[in-house]
Amino acid sequence: MPSNKSVSDAPITQFVNCRILKDHKLQWEDLWVREGKILNPEKLFFDEEGFADHKVDCEDKIIAPGFIDVQINGGYGIDFSQASSDIRGGVALVAKKILEHGVTSFCPTLVTSPSDIYHKFLIVSVLQKVVLLDLLAPVMLLCFSPQVIPELRVQDGGPEGAGVLGIHLEGPFISEEKRGAHPPKFLRTFKAGGLADLMEIYGHLDNVAMVTLAPELANSAAAIHELSGRGIAVSLGHSMADLSQAEEAVQHGAKFITHLFNAMLPFHHRDPGIVGLLTSDRVPPGRTVYYGMIADGIHTHPAALRIAHRAHPAGLVLVTDAVMAMGLPPGRHTLGQQQIDIQGLHAYLTGTTTLSGSIATMDMCVRHFREASGCTVEAALEAASLHPAQMLGISHRKGTLEYGTDADFVVLDDTLTVRETYIAGQKVWRK
């Protein structure tokens, strides 16, 4: 029987023979979709007396919320930190490619860069003479350097690619000692803290979702407070902070840790540093500290994955930290202003053994995390969907299959291999 068209002309799709991830469990339950949203079938039956227009047989597969990657530097030859003549086209290419890995939303990530990469920066060229009112007059030619932040705009996903949730600015307000692959000459400190320092470097914050900074930098508290007040997630990373400094940052509004264990002080029993936030008793009531994990089998030992997950399972967020070489053969590539070498599955800063991002895809990270940590399938899937959505404050519309949320989801087999990806209820990729 068709839907009751007196309520809505939009077709209803019913996904059957599936296990859907809901309420932290895989449940044998149908999934109903209309107008890009998850539909409550009880209201459909009893209030509208409606039924499905289309049925999709999932053949006993898993349906989970679409994956959300909050730290991805690029991929497929595109480096988000490199200005080009077609920045939006580069983002669109990556957005399209990551659909096959189950990613339905992401935060393009910029590593520490010159100010003119972040925003428009006026450049004065050589003097030239032109004819002006029949007179030869010297003038200065003004132009704008390439810019990235204004071009990386928040946008919904669809058949053209995964949605952009906002930019993740990783640096330049980070520690020189823990800079990793970030170029030292572009690192910055807070002169006075607050909005002025941020605007001087970034230009504006309109499209920004996250900022990674080192909380031990002088005057960082004002910046954290300013960013948090604007709804921007502040992440602690590339830092020499001790636990007390990290706790103070959380009390000022910080909520995330950038790639836990990497580019921070190692855990010590007398001062566990940023890692200690996972079990801190100074986190404000009702608040959760989330932390990113690069579960590529290289950045973090399986034992460390298990320790983190067992200490604070509700805060774990899988990230790829993928660089432009993701999806490309081994060789020399770039990460922002630096050269990197890809050797097997390792990405190194050229001439060093410093890890410089990864070439892992999100579905690879989900599978490795599941295997290495011994966690449940549900926990592995939620670490790539629900938790990043909660961290960004968007779990009311993404990261779950609750009624009324966006119908962004992924269909997987029992090996957690992605078979289909849907955005707003529309199939956008199929294996």
Protein backbone atom coordinates (compact mmCIF):
# COMPACT_ATOMS: atom_id res chain seq x y z
CA MET A 1 0.00 0.00 0.00
CA PRO A 2 1.48 3.40 -0.91
CA SER A 3 2.04 6.21 1.56
CA ASN A 4 -0.74 8.55 2.59
CA LYS A 5 -0.02 11.36 0.14
CA SER A 6 -2.28 13.73 2.06
CA VAL A 7 0.53 14.04 4.59
CA SER A 8 3.55 14.21 2.29
CA ASP A 9 4.19 13.66 -1.39
CA ALA A 10 7.72 12.51 -0.66
CA PRO A 11 8.35 8.79 -1.19
CA ILE A 12 9.13 6.56 1.79
CA THR A 13 11.91 3.99 1.63
CA GLN A 14 11.99 0.98 3.95
CA PHE A 15 15.29 -0.87 4.47
CA VAL A 16 14.56 -4.46 5.50
CA ASN A 17 16.57 -7.52 6.59
CA CYS A 18 19.13 -5.37 8.35
CA ARG A 19 20.74 -4.90 11.75
CA ILE A 20 20.70 -1.22 12.61
CA LEU A 21 22.96 0.41 15.19
CA LYS A 22 20.60 2.04 17.64
CA ASP A 23 20.80 2.64 21.39
CA HIS A 24 24.38 1.31 21.32
CA LYS A 25 23.24 -2.10 20.04
CA LEU A 26 22.83 -3.80 16.68
CA GLN A 27 19.12 -4.58 16.41
CA TRP A 28 17.10 -6.49 13.85
CA GLU A 29 14.87 -3.63 12.85
CA ASP A 30 13.80 -1.92 9.64
CA LEU A 31 15.01 1.57 8.81
CA TRP A 32 12.53 4.06 7.36
CA VAL A 33 13.56 7.17 5.42
CA ARG A 34 11.64 10.11 3.98
CA GLU A 35 12.87 13.50 2.75
CA GLY A 36 16.41 12.77 3.85
CA LYS A 37 15.47 12.00 7.48
CA ILE A 38 15.08 8.89 9.61
CA LEU A 39 11.37 8.25 10.01
CA ASN A 40 9.47 6.94 13.03
CA PRO A 41 7.43 4.02 11.64
CA GLU A 42 4.89 4.10 14.48
CA LYS A 43 3.91 7.67 13.66
CA LEU A 44 3.81 6.70 10.00
CA PHE A 45 1.45 3.80 10.62
CA PHE A 46 -0.85 5.26 13.25
CA ASP A 47 -0.84 9.00 12.48
CA GLU A 48 -0.55 8.90 8.71
CA GLU A 49 -1.75 5.39 7.91
CA GLY A 50 1.12 5.27 5.48
CA PHE A 51 3.41 2.57 4.17
CA ALA A 52 6.64 2.29 2.21
CA ASP A 53 6.80 3.27 -1.43
CA HIS A 54 10.07 1.39 -1.90
CA LYS A 55 11.77 -1.48 -0.09
CA VAL A 56 15.49 -2.21 -0.05
CA ASP A 57 16.62 -5.70 0.95
CA CYS A 58 19.87 -5.34 2.91
CA GLU A 59 20.49 -9.11 2.96
CA ASP A 60 21.30 -9.27 6.68
CA LYS A 61 23.92 -6.52 6.54
CA ILE A 62 24.66 -3.85 9.15
CA ILE A 63 23.38 -0.29 8.88
CA ALA A 64 25.37 2.21 10.94
CA PRO A 65 25.48 6.01 11.03
CA GLY A 66 27.77 7.53 8.43
CA PHE A 67 31.37 7.99 9.50
CA ILE A 68 32.60 11.46 10.48
CA ASP A 69 36.30 12.30 10.09
CA VAL A 70 37.28 15.39 12.09
CA GLN A 71 40.98 15.28 11.16
CA ILE A 72 41.85 14.75 7.51
CA ASN A 73 44.57 16.79 5.82
CA GLY A 74 43.76 15.73 2.28
CA GLY A 75 44.07 12.73 0.01
CA TYR A 76 44.24 11.56 -3.60
CA GLY A 77 46.85 14.18 -4.46
CA ILE A 78 45.03 17.04 -2.71
CA ASP A 79 46.62 18.85 0.25
CA PHE A 80 44.12 21.11 2.01
CA SER A 81 46.96 23.28 3.34
CA GLN A 82 48.22 24.10 -0.14
CA ALA A 83 46.63 27.09 -1.85
CA SER A 84 45.73 26.46 -5.47
CA SER A 85 43.66 27.98 -8.23
CA ASP A 86 40.85 25.52 -7.49
CA ILE A 87 40.71 24.91 -3.74
CA ARG A 88 37.02 24.02 -3.80
CA GLY A 89 37.60 21.54 -6.60
CA GLY A 90 40.27 19.81 -4.55
CA VAL A 91 37.99 19.51 -1.54
CA ALA A 92 35.22 18.20 -3.78
CA LEU A 93 37.53 15.49 -5.15
CA VAL A 94 38.42 14.24 -1.67
CA ALA A 95 34.77 14.50 -0.57
CA LYS A 96 33.76 12.26 -3.48
CA LYS A 97 36.50 9.70 -2.96
CA ILE A 98 35.94 9.16 0.76
CA LEU A 99 32.34 8.08 0.18
CA GLU A 100 33.60 4.59 -0.61
CA HIS A 101 35.11 4.45 2.86
CA GLY A 102 31.82 5.25 4.58
CA VAL A 103 32.60 8.89 5.37
CA THR A 104 29.52 11.07 5.01
CA SER A 105 30.87 14.21 6.75
CA PHE A 106 34.34 15.58 7.46
CA CYS A 107 36.41 18.50 8.68
CA PRO A 108 39.13 19.51 6.18
CA THR A 109 42.22 20.04 8.31
CA LEU A 110 44.88 22.72 7.84
CA VAL A 111 48.26 22.24 9.47
CA THR A 112 50.46 25.16 10.58
CA SER A 113 50.85 27.48 7.59
CA PRO A 114 51.85 31.05 6.68
CA SER A 115 49.21 33.69 7.42
CA ASP A 116 48.54 34.22 3.73
CA ILE A 117 47.47 30.60 3.34
CA TYR A 118 44.77 31.07 5.96
CA HIS A 119 43.25 34.23 4.53
CA LYS A 120 43.64 37.09 2.05
CA PHE A 121 46.92 38.86 2.47
CA LEU A 122 47.75 41.97 0.46
CA ILE A 123 50.91 41.82 -1.60
CA VAL A 124 52.55 44.78 -3.32
CA SER A 125 54.27 43.92 -6.58
CA VAL A 126 56.97 45.78 -8.47
CA LEU A 127 56.38 49.37 -9.58
CA GLN A 128 55.27 49.84 -13.14
CA LYS A 129 54.47 52.91 -15.22
CA VAL A 130 51.11 53.36 -16.87
CA VAL A 131 49.52 56.14 -18.86
CA LEU A 132 47.19 58.14 -16.61
CA LEU A 133 45.59 61.33 -17.99
CA ASP A 134 48.24 61.43 -20.71
CA LEU A 135 51.01 61.32 -18.09
CA LEU A 136 53.41 58.55 -17.24
CA ALA A 137 52.86 57.74 -13.58
CA PRO A 138 54.37 54.99 -11.41
CA VAL A 139 51.82 52.82 -9.62
CA MET A 140 51.97 49.85 -7.30
CA LEU A 141 50.21 46.71 -8.47
CA LEU A 142 48.23 45.13 -5.66
CA CYS A 143 47.15 41.53 -5.59
CA PHE A 144 45.96 38.96 -3.13
CA SER A 145 47.90 35.82 -2.34
CA PRO A 146 46.17 32.43 -2.46
CA GLN A 147 43.76 31.83 0.41
CA VAL A 148 42.27 28.71 1.90
CA ILE A 149 39.89 29.41 4.79
CA PRO A 150 37.36 31.47 2.77
CA GLU A 151 37.21 28.69 0.16
CA LEU A 152 36.54 25.81 2.57
CA ARG A 153 32.86 26.38 3.16
CA VAL A 154 30.40 24.39 5.23
CA GLN A 155 28.15 22.43 2.89
CA ASP A 156 25.78 19.50 2.90
CA GLY A 157 26.80 16.18 1.44
CA GLY A 158 25.14 14.39 -1.44
CA PRO A 159 25.93 12.41 -4.59
CA GLU A 160 28.78 14.83 -5.26
CA GLY A 161 30.55 13.94 -2.01
CA ALA A 162 30.65 13.93 1.78
CA GLY A 163 29.47 17.03 3.60
CA VAL A 164 31.88 19.61 5.01
CA LEU A 165 31.17 20.32 8.68
CA GLY A 166 33.75 23.08 8.99
CA ILE A 167 37.52 23.49 9.04
CA HIS A 168 39.86 21.98 11.61
CA LEU A 169 42.75 24.41 12.17
CA GLU A 170 45.62 22.37 13.60
CA GLY A 171 48.06 25.10 14.60
CA PRO A 172 49.91 27.43 14.46
CA PHE A 173 49.39 28.03 18.21
CA ILE A 174 51.25 24.88 19.24
CA SER A 175 54.44 23.83 21.01
CA GLU A 176 57.72 24.00 19.14
CA GLU A 177 59.00 21.01 21.09
CA LYS A 178 56.01 18.89 20.04
CA ARG A 179 55.45 20.39 16.61
CA GLY A 180 55.85 17.06 14.78
CA ALA A 181 55.69 17.78 11.05
CA HIS A 182 54.55 21.39 11.53
CA PRO A 183 57.11 23.92 10.18
CA PRO A 184 58.68 25.78 13.14
CA LYS A 185 59.04 29.13 11.38
CA PHE A 186 55.27 29.52 11.15
CA LEU A 187 54.45 28.68 14.77
CA ARG A 188 52.79 31.45 16.78
CA THR A 189 52.18 32.39 20.40
CA PHE A 190 49.33 34.37 21.89
CA LYS A 191 50.41 37.96 22.41
CA ALA A 192 47.42 38.97 24.47
CA GLY A 193 45.04 36.08 23.99
CA GLY A 194 41.46 36.29 22.82
CA LEU A 195 40.05 37.31 19.49
CA ALA A 196 42.80 39.65 18.26
CA ASP A 197 45.48 36.95 18.03
CA LEU A 198 43.13 34.51 16.35
CA MET A 199 41.90 37.00 13.78
CA GLU A 200 45.40 38.21 12.99
CA ILE A 201 46.37 34.71 11.89
CA TYR A 202 43.14 33.17 10.63
CA GLY A 203 41.40 36.23 9.18
CA HIS A 204 37.95 35.08 10.24
CA LEU A 205 36.36 32.06 11.89
CA ASP A 206 33.14 31.77 9.89
CA ASN A 207 33.83 28.30 8.49
CA VAL A 208 35.83 26.93 11.41
CA ALA A 209 34.62 23.91 13.42
CA MET A 210 37.76 23.04 15.42
CA VAL A 211 41.07 24.55 16.52
CA THR A 212 43.99 22.57 17.92
CA LEU A 213 46.28 24.52 20.26
CA ALA A 214 48.77 24.00 23.08
CA PRO A 215 47.22 25.07 26.40
CA GLU A 216 50.55 25.81 28.07
CA LEU A 217 51.10 28.81 25.80
CA ALA A 218 50.77 32.10 27.67
CA ASN A 219 47.35 33.76 27.30
CA SER A 220 45.79 30.63 25.78
CA ALA A 221 42.88 30.67 28.25
CA ALA A 222 41.33 33.75 26.65
CA ALA A 223 41.59 32.17 23.21
CA ILE A 224 39.98 28.94 24.42
CA HIS A 225 37.15 30.91 26.02
CA GLU A 226 36.62 32.97 22.86
CA LEU A 227 36.58 29.97 20.54
CA SER A 228 34.32 27.89 22.79
CA GLY A 229 31.92 30.79 23.09
CA ARG A 230 31.58 30.80 19.31
CA GLY A 231 30.71 27.10 19.25
CA ILE A 232 34.13 26.10 17.94
CA ALA A 233 35.55 22.91 19.44
CA VAL A 234 38.94 23.53 21.07
CA SER A 235 41.33 20.60 20.97
CA LEU A 236 44.53 20.17 22.96
CA GLY A 237 47.47 18.87 20.98
CA HIS A 238 51.07 19.28 19.83
CA SER A 239 51.68 20.26 23.41
CA MET A 240 54.05 20.01 26.38
CA ALA A 241 51.21 20.61 28.84
CA ASP A 242 51.09 18.86 32.18
CA LEU A 243 47.83 17.53 33.56
CA SER A 244 47.05 20.67 35.57
CA GLN A 245 47.40 22.88 32.48
CA ALA A 246 45.24 20.49 30.47
CA GLU A 247 42.56 20.45 33.16
CA GLU A 248 42.50 24.24 33.29
CA ALA A 249 42.02 24.31 29.52
CA VAL A 250 39.05 21.96 29.81
CA GLN A 251 37.56 24.17 32.51
CA HIS A 252 37.86 27.09 30.09
CA GLY A 253 36.00 25.13 27.39
CA ALA A 254 38.39 22.74 25.62
CA LYS A 255 36.71 19.42 24.82
CA PHE A 256 38.99 17.34 22.56
CA ILE A 257 42.51 15.91 22.44
CA THR A 258 44.23 15.78 19.06
CA HIS A 259 45.64 12.31 18.24
CA LEU A 260 46.09 11.03 21.79
CA PHE A 261 49.64 9.88 22.67
CA ASN A 262 51.12 11.53 19.57
CA ALA A 263 52.86 14.94 19.83
CA MET A 264 52.43 15.29 23.60
CA LEU A 265 54.29 14.37 26.77
CA PRO A 266 54.27 10.61 27.36
CA PHE A 267 52.26 9.24 30.26
CA HIS A 268 54.17 9.43 33.56
CA HIS A 269 52.85 8.09 36.84
CA ARG A 270 53.60 11.33 38.73
CA ASP A 271 52.16 13.60 36.04
CA PRO A 272 50.24 11.85 33.27
CA GLY A 273 50.04 15.02 31.16
CA ILE A 274 47.23 15.47 28.66
CA VAL A 275 46.66 11.70 28.65
CA GLY A 276 45.50 12.03 32.26
CA LEU A 277 42.37 13.86 31.11
CA LEU A 278 40.85 10.47 30.27
CA THR A 279 40.36 9.77 33.99
CA SER A 280 40.57 13.28 35.46
CA ASP A 281 38.24 14.17 38.33
CA ARG A 282 38.48 17.87 37.48
CA VAL A 283 36.39 17.71 34.32
CA PRO A 284 33.28 19.85 34.97
CA PRO A 285 30.10 17.86 35.73
CA GLY A 286 28.12 16.97 32.64
CA ARG A 287 31.10 17.47 30.35
CA THR A 288 32.92 14.78 28.36
CA VAL A 289 36.49 15.03 27.14
CA TYR A 290 36.83 13.37 23.74
CA TYR A 291 40.09 12.23 22.21
CA GLY A 292 41.20 11.36 18.70
CA MET A 293 42.94 8.08 17.92
CA ILE A 294 44.76 7.28 14.69
CA ALA A 295 44.04 3.55 14.60
CA ASP A 296 46.16 2.81 11.54
CA GLY A 297 48.41 0.23 13.18
CA ILE A 298 51.36 2.63 13.03
CA HIS A 299 50.71 5.71 15.16
CA THR A 300 49.48 3.84 18.21
CA HIS A 301 50.42 0.41 19.59
CA PRO A 302 47.47 -1.98 20.06
CA ALA A 303 48.14 -2.04 23.80
CA ALA A 304 47.85 1.76 23.92
CA LEU A 305 44.57 1.56 22.01
CA ARG A 306 43.26 -0.90 24.55
CA ILE A 307 44.40 1.20 27.51
CA ALA A 308 42.72 4.34 26.17
CA HIS A 309 39.50 2.61 25.21
CA ARG A 310 39.13 0.76 28.50
CA ALA A 311 39.91 3.90 30.49
CA HIS A 312 37.42 6.13 28.66
CA PRO A 313 35.40 4.32 25.98
CA ALA A 314 32.75 7.04 25.62
CA GLY A 315 35.31 9.63 24.52
CA LEU A 316 37.19 7.77 21.81
CA VAL A 317 36.96 9.33 18.34
CA LEU A 318 38.58 7.60 15.39
CA VAL A 319 40.40 9.95 13.01
CA THR A 320 42.48 9.20 9.93
CA ASP A 321 44.84 12.21 10.00
CA ALA A 322 45.18 11.31 6.32
CA VAL A 323 47.54 13.29 4.09
CA MET A 324 47.46 13.93 0.35
CA ALA A 325 49.17 10.59 -0.31
CA MET A 326 46.11 8.62 0.81
CA GLY A 327 45.02 6.69 -2.25
CA LEU A 328 48.33 7.32 -4.06
CA PRO A 329 51.40 5.09 -4.59
CA PRO A 330 54.52 5.41 -2.40
CA GLY A 331 56.83 8.35 -3.09
CA ARG A 332 57.39 11.97 -2.15
CA HIS A 333 54.42 14.20 -1.41
CA THR A 334 53.58 17.31 0.64
CA LEU A 335 51.88 18.18 3.91
CA GLY A 336 51.37 21.92 4.03
CA GLN A 337 54.80 23.52 3.67
CA GLN A 338 56.72 20.28 4.31
CA GLN A 339 57.88 17.38 2.14
CA ILE A 340 56.92 13.87 3.23
CA ASP A 341 57.93 10.41 2.05
CA ILE A 342 55.50 7.50 1.87
CA GLN A 343 57.13 4.16 2.65
CA GLY A 344 54.62 1.35 2.77
CA LEU A 345 51.93 2.49 5.19
CA HIS A 346 54.22 5.03 6.86
CA ALA A 347 54.28 8.78 6.13
CA TYR A 348 57.55 10.39 7.28
CA LEU A 349 58.79 13.96 7.25
CA THR A 350 61.42 13.82 4.51
CA GLY A 351 64.85 12.97 5.85
CA THR A 352 63.53 11.99 9.30
CA THR A 353 61.61 9.26 11.08
CA THR A 354 58.97 11.75 12.27
CA LEU A 355 55.49 10.50 11.44
CA SER A 356 53.57 13.01 9.32
CA GLY A 357 49.95 11.99 9.22
CA SER A 358 48.72 8.73 7.79
CA ILE A 359 47.47 7.21 4.56
CA ALA A 360 44.76 5.18 6.28
CA THR A 361 41.09 5.39 5.36
CA MET A 362 38.33 5.57 7.96
CA ASP A 363 36.98 2.08 7.30
CA MET A 364 40.51 0.71 7.73
CA CYS A 365 40.73 2.48 11.10
CA VAL A 366 37.38 1.06 12.20
CA ARG A 367 38.44 -2.48 11.35
CA HIS A 368 41.89 -2.15 12.95
CA PHE A 369 40.45 -0.59 16.09
CA ARG A 370 37.93 -3.41 16.40
CA GLU A 371 40.62 -6.06 16.02
CA ALA A 372 43.35 -4.39 18.09
CA SER A 373 41.20 -3.28 21.01
CA GLY A 374 38.90 -6.26 21.18
CA CYS A 375 35.95 -3.89 21.49
CA THR A 376 32.47 -4.68 20.25
CA VAL A 377 31.38 -3.97 16.70
CA GLU A 378 29.02 -1.35 18.10
CA ALA A 379 31.84 0.45 19.94
CA ALA A 380 34.03 0.52 16.84
CA LEU A 381 31.24 1.96 14.70
CA GLU A 382 30.21 4.57 17.28
CA ALA A 383 33.82 5.75 17.61
CA ALA A 384 33.62 6.79 13.95
CA SER A 385 30.12 8.26 14.06
CA LEU A 386 28.34 9.01 17.33
CA HIS A 387 31.36 10.22 19.29
CA PRO A 388 32.65 12.75 16.73
CA ALA A 389 29.10 14.04 16.33
CA GLN A 390 28.76 14.45 20.09
CA MET A 391 32.11 16.21 20.28
CA LEU A 392 31.08 18.70 17.59
CA GLY A 393 27.66 19.20 19.19
CA ILE A 394 25.71 17.88 16.19
CA SER A 395 24.43 14.53 17.50
CA HIS A 396 20.88 15.87 17.30
CA ARG A 397 21.18 15.54 13.52
CA LYS A 398 24.19 13.34 12.69
CA GLY A 399 26.05 10.36 14.10
CA THR A 400 22.93 8.38 15.08
CA LEU A 401 19.95 6.64 13.49
CA GLU A 402 17.47 8.24 15.87
CA TYR A 403 14.15 9.43 14.46
CA GLY A 404 14.35 12.84 12.85
CA THR A 405 18.10 12.81 12.27
CA ASP A 406 19.78 13.08 8.88
CA ALA A 407 19.63 9.81 6.96
CA ASP A 408 23.39 9.59 6.53
CA PHE A 409 24.37 5.96 6.94
CA VAL A 410 26.62 3.19 5.76
CA VAL A 411 25.82 -0.43 4.92
CA LEU A 412 28.51 -2.91 5.97
CA ASP A 413 29.05 -6.66 5.94
CA ASP A 414 30.19 -8.67 8.94
CA THR A 415 33.86 -7.89 8.21
CA LEU A 416 33.00 -4.18 8.53
CA THR A 417 33.69 -3.66 4.85
CA VAL A 418 31.65 -0.80 3.42
CA ARG A 419 29.15 -1.96 0.81
CA GLU A 420 27.01 1.14 0.35
CA THR A 421 26.99 4.73 1.52
CA TYR A 422 23.89 6.92 1.84
CA ILE A 423 23.55 10.65 2.42
CA ALA A 424 20.13 12.17 3.13
CA GLY A 425 18.62 8.80 2.30
CA GLN A 426 20.14 8.75 -1.18
CA LYS A 427 22.62 6.10 -2.25
CA VAL A 428 25.85 7.92 -3.12
CA TRP A 429 28.24 4.97 -3.42
CA ARG A 430 28.03 1.22 -3.93
CA LYS A 431 30.79 -1.37 -3.96
